[in-house]
């Protein structure tokens, strides 16, 4: 691994770890915050002189871009956590948001097994849940969660809801 890549990865780790610690307020000691702020300052200074491809080249920029997009899709506060690496690699918030939207339901369903539209995600979740529930064995002890007992309970609830005039 070349020294520039190692230095970049160390800075990325410091900035992201400091941002996560500050955001969550967990285990954020003075040393961690100080190290993160030094790394952020260095990142900002390096970002000011960076070319369009970023301070460490196009391939590193692509990797950073991918990490940030995945953080955004997972619901992390990527704008705060990844501000330093974004600045170093000349990545704008608009680029990240566009890619997040492209990968999500905003642009509709994509014919792929790993489509991230909300419909496909919920179908995968439902199928996984169904598989887990189908593996539950019947128990004589109450409450039983086997598929047959589950259907009976759901029917009782549905009948109760129909009879209730709220």
Protein backbone atom coordinates (compact mmCIF):
# COMPACT_ATOMS: atom_id res chain seq x y z
CA UNK A 1 0.00 0.00 0.00
CA UNK A 2 1.50 3.34 -0.96
CA UNK A 3 2.03 6.02 1.66
CA UNK A 4 -0.51 8.46 0.18
CA UNK A 5 -3.27 5.84 0.31
CA UNK A 6 -2.35 4.85 3.87
CA UNK A 7 -2.35 8.52 4.95
CA UNK A 8 -5.72 9.08 3.32
CA UNK A 9 -7.28 6.02 4.95
CA UNK A 10 -5.94 7.09 8.36
CA UNK A 11 -7.42 10.56 7.91
CA UNK A 12 -10.73 9.09 6.70
CA UNK A 13 -10.90 6.79 9.72
CA UNK A 14 -10.08 9.62 12.12
CA UNK A 15 -12.61 12.00 10.60
CA UNK A 16 -15.40 9.44 10.41
CA UNK A 17 -14.73 8.03 13.88
CA UNK A 18 -14.64 11.50 15.40
CA UNK A 19 -17.83 12.48 13.57
CA UNK A 20 -19.67 9.36 14.69
CA UNK A 21 -18.48 9.78 18.27
CA UNK A 22 -19.52 13.43 18.35
CA UNK A 23 -22.86 12.71 16.67
CA UNK A 24 -23.74 9.84 18.97
CA UNK A 25 -22.00 11.30 22.02
CA UNK A 26 -20.61 7.88 22.87
CA UNK A 27 -17.06 7.41 24.06
CA UNK A 28 -16.03 10.78 22.75
CA UNK A 29 -13.04 11.72 24.84
CA UNK A 30 -11.11 14.93 24.52
CA UNK A 31 -8.31 13.08 22.74
CA UNK A 32 -10.68 11.59 20.15
CA UNK A 33 -12.34 14.95 19.51
CA UNK A 34 -8.97 16.70 19.28
CA UNK A 35 -7.57 14.09 16.90
CA UNK A 36 -10.70 14.27 14.75
CA UNK A 37 -10.60 18.07 14.62
CA UNK A 38 -6.89 18.01 13.62
CA UNK A 39 -7.68 15.46 10.92
CA UNK A 40 -10.64 17.54 9.75
CA UNK A 41 -8.47 20.68 9.60
CA UNK A 42 -5.84 18.79 7.60
CA UNK A 43 -8.56 17.43 5.34
CA UNK A 44 -9.95 20.91 4.70
CA UNK A 45 -6.48 22.28 3.94
CA UNK A 46 -5.74 19.41 1.57
CA UNK A 47 -9.16 19.79 -0.06
CA UNK A 48 -8.48 23.43 -0.91
CA UNK A 49 -5.63 22.44 -3.21
CA UNK A 50 -7.19 19.22 -4.56
CA UNK A 51 -7.83 18.67 -8.24
CA UNK A 52 -11.23 17.66 -9.62
CA UNK A 53 -10.43 13.98 -9.16
CA UNK A 54 -9.57 14.58 -5.51
CA UNK A 55 -6.32 14.76 -3.60
CA UNK A 56 -5.69 11.02 -3.89
CA UNK A 57 -6.91 10.30 -7.43
CA UNK A 58 -10.08 9.16 -9.14
CA UNK A 59 -10.07 5.60 -7.79
CA UNK A 60 -9.91 6.75 -4.17
CA UNK A 61 -12.59 9.34 -4.90
CA UNK A 62 -14.81 6.59 -6.25
CA UNK A 63 -14.28 4.48 -3.15
CA UNK A 64 -15.03 7.39 -0.84
CA UNK A 65 -18.08 8.27 -2.92
CA UNK A 66 -19.38 4.69 -2.62
CA UNK A 67 -18.86 4.61 1.16
CA UNK A 68 -20.70 7.89 1.63
CA UNK A 69 -23.61 6.81 -0.59
CA UNK A 70 -23.95 3.57 1.36
CA UNK A 71 -23.92 5.51 4.63
CA UNK A 72 -26.65 7.76 3.27
CA UNK A 73 -28.78 4.83 2.15
CA UNK A 74 -28.40 3.26 5.59
CA UNK A 75 -29.78 6.42 7.21
CA UNK A 76 -26.55 7.70 8.78
CA UNK A 77 -26.01 11.47 9.09
CA UNK A 78 -23.53 11.40 6.20
CA UNK A 79 -23.44 15.18 5.71
CA UNK A 80 -21.88 15.68 9.16
CA UNK A 81 -19.84 12.49 9.41
CA UNK A 82 -18.23 12.61 5.98
CA UNK A 83 -17.80 16.35 5.43
CA UNK A 84 -13.99 16.13 5.57
CA UNK A 85 -13.55 13.26 3.10
CA UNK A 86 -16.10 14.88 0.80
CA UNK A 87 -14.13 18.11 0.80
CA UNK A 88 -10.79 16.37 0.20
CA UNK A 89 -12.17 14.47 -2.78
CA UNK A 90 -14.29 17.30 -4.23
CA UNK A 91 -17.55 15.41 -3.71
CA UNK A 92 -20.63 17.59 -3.41
CA UNK A 93 -23.75 16.90 -1.39
CA UNK A 94 -25.76 17.13 -4.62
CA UNK A 95 -23.74 14.28 -6.17
CA UNK A 96 -24.30 12.08 -3.14
CA UNK A 97 -28.01 12.88 -2.93
CA UNK A 98 -28.47 12.23 -6.65
CA UNK A 99 -26.84 8.82 -6.34
CA UNK A 100 -28.89 7.95 -3.24
CA UNK A 101 -32.06 8.89 -5.12
CA UNK A 102 -30.98 6.90 -8.17
CA UNK A 103 -30.44 3.79 -6.09
CA UNK A 104 -33.63 4.15 -4.11
CA UNK A 105 -37.29 4.14 -5.09
CA UNK A 106 -37.16 7.74 -6.36
CA UNK A 107 -36.33 6.51 -9.86
CA UNK A 108 -38.50 3.42 -9.68
CA UNK A 109 -37.89 -0.29 -9.81
CA UNK A 110 -34.80 -1.68 -11.47
CA UNK A 111 -34.77 -5.19 -12.90
CA UNK A 112 -32.12 -6.62 -10.61
CA UNK A 113 -32.01 -9.03 -7.69
CA UNK A 114 -30.59 -6.33 -5.44
CA UNK A 115 -33.02 -3.53 -6.40
CA UNK A 116 -33.32 -1.03 -3.55
CA UNK A 117 -36.76 0.34 -4.31
CA UNK A 118 -39.05 0.25 -1.29
CA UNK A 119 -41.30 -2.40 -2.86
CA UNK A 120 -38.44 -4.85 -3.48
CA UNK A 121 -36.93 -4.21 -0.06
CA UNK A 122 -40.26 -4.89 1.66
CA UNK A 123 -40.79 -8.03 -0.44
CA UNK A 124 -37.35 -9.35 0.57
CA UNK A 125 -38.08 -8.51 4.21
CA UNK A 126 -41.49 -10.22 4.07
CA UNK A 127 -40.04 -13.33 2.42
CA UNK A 128 -37.25 -13.55 4.98
CA UNK A 129 -39.76 -13.15 7.83
CA UNK A 130 -42.03 -15.81 6.30
CA UNK A 131 -39.13 -18.25 6.06
CA UNK A 132 -38.17 -17.65 9.68
CA UNK A 133 -41.76 -18.09 10.91
CA UNK A 134 -42.26 -21.28 8.89
CA UNK A 135 -39.38 -22.89 10.79
CA UNK A 136 -41.08 -22.49 14.19
CA UNK A 137 -42.28 -25.82 15.59
CA UNK A 138 -45.64 -26.23 17.34
CA UNK A 139 -45.51 -25.94 21.11
CA UNK A 140 -48.02 -27.20 23.66
CA UNK A 141 -47.15 -24.24 25.87
CA UNK A 142 -49.04 -21.03 25.28
CA UNK A 143 -48.45 -18.84 23.35
CA UNK A 144 -47.41 -20.91 20.37
CA UNK A 145 -46.02 -19.08 17.34
CA UNK A 146 -46.09 -21.92 14.80
CA UNK A 147 -47.66 -21.06 11.41
CA UNK A 148 -50.95 -22.85 12.14
CA UNK A 149 -51.47 -21.19 15.53
CA UNK A 150 -50.40 -17.84 14.07
CA UNK A 151 -53.11 -18.09 11.40
CA UNK A 152 -55.74 -18.87 14.03
CA UNK A 153 -54.68 -15.90 16.16
CA UNK A 154 -54.73 -13.58 13.13
CA UNK A 155 -58.23 -14.79 12.24
CA UNK A 156 -59.46 -14.13 15.79
CA UNK A 157 -58.00 -10.62 15.64
CA UNK A 158 -59.57 -9.97 12.22
CA UNK A 159 -62.99 -11.15 13.49
CA UNK A 160 -62.67 -8.92 16.55
CA UNK A 161 -61.80 -5.91 14.40
CA UNK A 162 -64.79 -6.56 12.09
CA UNK A 163 -67.19 -6.79 15.01
CA UNK A 164 -65.83 -3.58 16.58
CA UNK A 165 -67.58 -0.47 15.22
CA UNK A 166 -65.11 2.28 16.04
